[in-house]
Amino acid sequence: MAETFSQPGAYVFDIAGSAFIEGLCTLKPVVLIDIPNRRLNKIARIQLEKSVVIARANFDDNNLIAVDHNQISEGLKRPVDLDARRQFIFDYLTSQDSQRAELKALAR
């Protein structure tokens, strides 16, 4: 992932895994496709939506993932709220363990 940081102007992810976290840290536009079987918790969604576009997906009649491509396209064009992104990184990735525990407790 680190080798790609200077190449793309934005990222699209379908899972909030480790590559997603690395993409957030680039401070570039990020779109997360929210697949129904891996929903975000309420607090994380609220925090993420400040600096990431979350495109909701559904399963179609053939049990394939369907997403509004316009949401993705528009999300890639939306400027990043750098203050919100940095705050998310601090709160969820670089804060002390006790702070993370408090955030997780609030999310329940």
C-alpha atoms as a PDB file:
ATOM      1  CA  MET A   1       0.000   0.000   0.000  1.00  0.00           C
ATOM      2  CA  ALA A   2       2.779   2.451   0.905  1.00  0.00           C
ATOM      3  CA  GLU A   3       4.185   2.193  -2.616  1.00  0.00           C
ATOM      4  CA  THR A   4       0.913   3.552  -4.054  1.00  0.00           C
ATOM      5  CA  PHE A   5       0.643   6.670  -1.873  1.00  0.00           C
ATOM      6  CA  SER A   6       2.035   9.025  -4.511  1.00  0.00           C
ATOM      7  CA  GLN A   7       0.086   7.487  -7.410  1.00  0.00           C
ATOM      8  CA  PRO A   8      -3.706   7.652  -6.983  1.00  0.00           C
ATOM      9  CA  GLY A   9      -5.573  10.860  -6.283  1.00  0.00           C
ATOM     10  CA  ALA A  10      -8.227   9.030  -4.266  1.00  0.00           C
ATOM     11  CA  TYR A  11      -9.196   5.600  -2.926  1.00  0.00           C
ATOM     12  CA  VAL A  12     -12.311   3.403  -3.036  1.00  0.00           C
ATOM     13  CA  PHE A  13     -12.611   0.608  -0.481  1.00  0.00           C
ATOM     14  CA  ASP A  14     -15.251  -2.030   0.123  1.00  0.00           C
ATOM     15  CA  ILE A  15     -14.075  -2.932   3.604  1.00  0.00           C
ATOM     16  CA  ALA A  16     -12.737  -0.869   6.488  1.00  0.00           C
ATOM     17  CA  GLY A  17      -9.585  -2.938   6.896  1.00  0.00           C
ATOM     18  CA  SER A  18      -5.908  -2.110   7.160  1.00  0.00           C
ATOM     19  CA  ALA A  19      -5.591  -0.756   3.598  1.00  0.00           C
ATOM     20  CA  PHE A  20      -8.571   1.518   4.317  1.00  0.00           C
ATOM     21  CA  ILE A  21      -6.774   2.872   7.387  1.00  0.00           C
ATOM     22  CA  GLU A  22      -3.624   3.465   5.348  1.00  0.00           C
ATOM     23  CA  GLY A  23      -5.716   5.252   2.714  1.00  0.00           C
ATOM     24  CA  LEU A  24      -7.169   7.526   5.403  1.00  0.00           C
ATOM     25  CA  CYS A  25      -3.676   8.454   6.511  1.00  0.00           C
ATOM     26  CA  THR A  26      -2.778   9.733   3.027  1.00  0.00           C
ATOM     27  CA  LEU A  27      -5.316  12.535   3.556  1.00  0.00           C
ATOM     28  CA  LYS A  28      -6.625  11.914   0.019  1.00  0.00           C
ATOM     29  CA  PRO A  29     -10.326  11.478  -0.816  1.00  0.00           C
ATOM     30  CA  VAL A  30     -11.665   8.115   0.342  1.00  0.00           C
ATOM     31  CA  VAL A  31     -14.951   6.427  -0.533  1.00  0.00           C
ATOM     32  CA  LEU A  32     -16.048   3.454   1.543  1.00  0.00           C
ATOM     33  CA  ILE A  33     -18.664   1.151   0.058  1.00  0.00           C
ATOM     34  CA  ASP A  34     -20.787   0.098   3.017  1.00  0.00           C
ATOM     35  CA  ILE A  35     -21.698  -3.508   2.241  1.00  0.00           C
ATOM     36  CA  PRO A  36     -24.700  -4.801   4.247  1.00  0.00           C
ATOM     37  CA  ASN A  37     -22.852  -7.687   5.874  1.00  0.00           C
ATOM     38  CA  ARG A  38     -20.182  -5.417   7.395  1.00  0.00           C
ATOM     39  CA  ARG A  39     -22.017  -2.375   8.745  1.00  0.00           C
ATOM     40  CA  LEU A  40     -20.173   0.268  10.725  1.00  0.00           C
ATOM     41  CA  ASN A  41     -21.225   1.085  14.262  1.00  0.00           C
ATOM     42  CA  LYS A  42     -23.068   4.371  14.743  1.00  0.00           C
ATOM     43  CA  ILE A  43     -20.250   6.382  16.366  1.00  0.00           C
ATOM     44  CA  ALA A  44     -17.646   5.298  13.827  1.00  0.00           C
ATOM     45  CA  ARG A  45     -20.021   6.105  10.946  1.00  0.00           C
ATOM     46  CA  ILE A  46     -20.708   9.595  12.293  1.00  0.00           C
ATOM     47  CA  GLN A  47     -16.996  10.285  12.741  1.00  0.00           C
ATOM     48  CA  LEU A  48     -16.016   8.819   9.364  1.00  0.00           C
ATOM     49  CA  GLU A  49     -18.707  10.681   7.438  1.00  0.00           C
ATOM     50  CA  LYS A  50     -16.991  13.945   8.347  1.00  0.00           C
ATOM     51  CA  SER A  51     -14.046  13.152   6.063  1.00  0.00           C
ATOM     52  CA  VAL A  52     -14.994  10.028   4.075  1.00  0.00           C
ATOM     53  CA  VAL A  53     -17.851   9.450   1.656  1.00  0.00           C
ATOM     54  CA  ILE A  54     -19.778   6.327   2.618  1.00  0.00           C
ATOM     55  CA  ALA A  55     -21.701   4.811  -0.289  1.00  0.00           C
ATOM     56  CA  ARG A  56     -24.395   2.426   0.880  1.00  0.00           C
ATOM     57  CA  ALA A  57     -24.609  -0.859  -0.955  1.00  0.00           C
ATOM     58  CA  ASN A  58     -27.309  -3.508  -1.145  1.00  0.00           C
ATOM     59  CA  PHE A  59     -27.620  -7.003  -2.529  1.00  0.00           C
ATOM     60  CA  ASP A  60     -29.493  -7.211  -5.836  1.00  0.00           C
ATOM     61  CA  ASP A  61     -31.810 -10.017  -6.972  1.00  0.00           C
ATOM     62  CA  ASN A  62     -28.785 -12.109  -7.955  1.00  0.00           C
ATOM     63  CA  ASN A  63     -27.202 -11.604  -4.519  1.00  0.00           C
ATOM     64  CA  LEU A  64     -24.546  -9.329  -6.040  1.00  0.00           C
ATOM     65  CA  ILE A  65     -23.499  -6.071  -4.425  1.00  0.00           C
ATOM     66  CA  ALA A  66     -25.203  -3.053  -5.973  1.00  0.00           C
ATOM     67  CA  VAL A  67     -24.064   0.499  -5.277  1.00  0.00           C
ATOM     68  CA  ASP A  68     -24.940   3.882  -6.750  1.00  0.00           C
ATOM     69  CA  HIS A  69     -21.950   4.696  -8.950  1.00  0.00           C
ATOM     70  CA  ASN A  70     -22.828   8.391  -8.801  1.00  0.00           C
ATOM     71  CA  GLN A  71     -22.207   8.336  -5.049  1.00  0.00           C
ATOM     72  CA  ILE A  72     -18.751   6.934  -5.665  1.00  0.00           C
ATOM     73  CA  SER A  73     -18.002   9.375  -8.458  1.00  0.00           C
ATOM     74  CA  GLU A  74     -19.169  12.386  -6.461  1.00  0.00           C
ATOM     75  CA  GLY A  75     -17.335  11.153  -3.387  1.00  0.00           C
ATOM     76  CA  LEU A  76     -14.060  11.033  -5.260  1.00  0.00           C
ATOM     77  CA  LYS A  77     -14.509  14.690  -6.211  1.00  0.00           C
ATOM     78  CA  ARG A  78     -15.463  15.928  -2.744  1.00  0.00           C
ATOM     79  CA  PRO A  79     -12.691  17.849  -0.968  1.00  0.00           C
ATOM     80  CA  VAL A  80     -11.399  16.219   2.193  1.00  0.00           C
ATOM     81  CA  ASP A  81     -12.108  17.952   5.489  1.00  0.00           C
ATOM     82  CA  LEU A  82      -8.516  17.678   6.687  1.00  0.00           C
ATOM     83  CA  ASP A  83      -9.309  18.721  10.254  1.00  0.00           C
ATOM     84  CA  ALA A  84     -11.980  16.023  10.565  1.00  0.00           C
ATOM     85  CA  ARG A  85      -9.700  13.415   8.985  1.00  0.00           C
ATOM     86  CA  ARG A  86      -6.829  14.257  11.312  1.00  0.00           C
ATOM     87  CA  GLN A  87      -9.191  14.150  14.290  1.00  0.00           C
ATOM     88  CA  PHE A  88     -10.427  10.696  13.265  1.00  0.00           C
ATOM     89  CA  ILE A  89      -6.839   9.478  12.879  1.00  0.00           C
ATOM     90  CA  PHE A  90      -5.974  10.837  16.306  1.00  0.00           C
ATOM     91  CA  ASP A  91      -9.096   9.497  18.025  1.00  0.00           C
ATOM     92  CA  TYR A  92      -9.003   6.013  16.520  1.00  0.00           C
ATOM     93  CA  LEU A  93      -5.398   5.362  15.576  1.00  0.00           C
ATOM     94  CA  THR A  94      -2.973   7.378  17.646  1.00  0.00           C
ATOM     95  CA  SER A  95      -4.741   8.154  20.931  1.00  0.00           C
ATOM     96  CA  GLN A  96      -3.932   6.435  24.192  1.00  0.00           C
ATOM     97  CA  ASP A  97      -5.516   3.055  24.916  1.00  0.00           C
ATOM     98  CA  SER A  98      -7.721   4.606  27.626  1.00  0.00           C
ATOM     99  CA  GLN A  99      -9.093   7.140  25.122  1.00  0.00           C
ATOM    100  CA  ARG A 100      -9.809   4.366  22.599  1.00  0.00           C
ATOM    101  CA  ALA A 101     -11.599   2.369  25.295  1.00  0.00           C
ATOM    102  CA  GLU A 102     -13.799   5.384  26.043  1.00  0.00           C
ATOM    103  CA  LEU A 103     -14.623   5.806  22.332  1.00  0.00           C
ATOM    104  CA  LYS A 104     -15.466   2.107  21.993  1.00  0.00           C
ATOM    105  CA  ALA A 105     -17.710   2.286  25.054  1.00  0.00           C
ATOM    106  CA  LEU A 106     -19.575   5.213  23.512  1.00  0.00           C
ATOM    107  CA  ALA A 107     -20.049   3.244  20.297  1.00  0.00           C
ATOM    108  CA  ARG A 108     -21.941   0.432  22.028  1.00  0.00           C
END
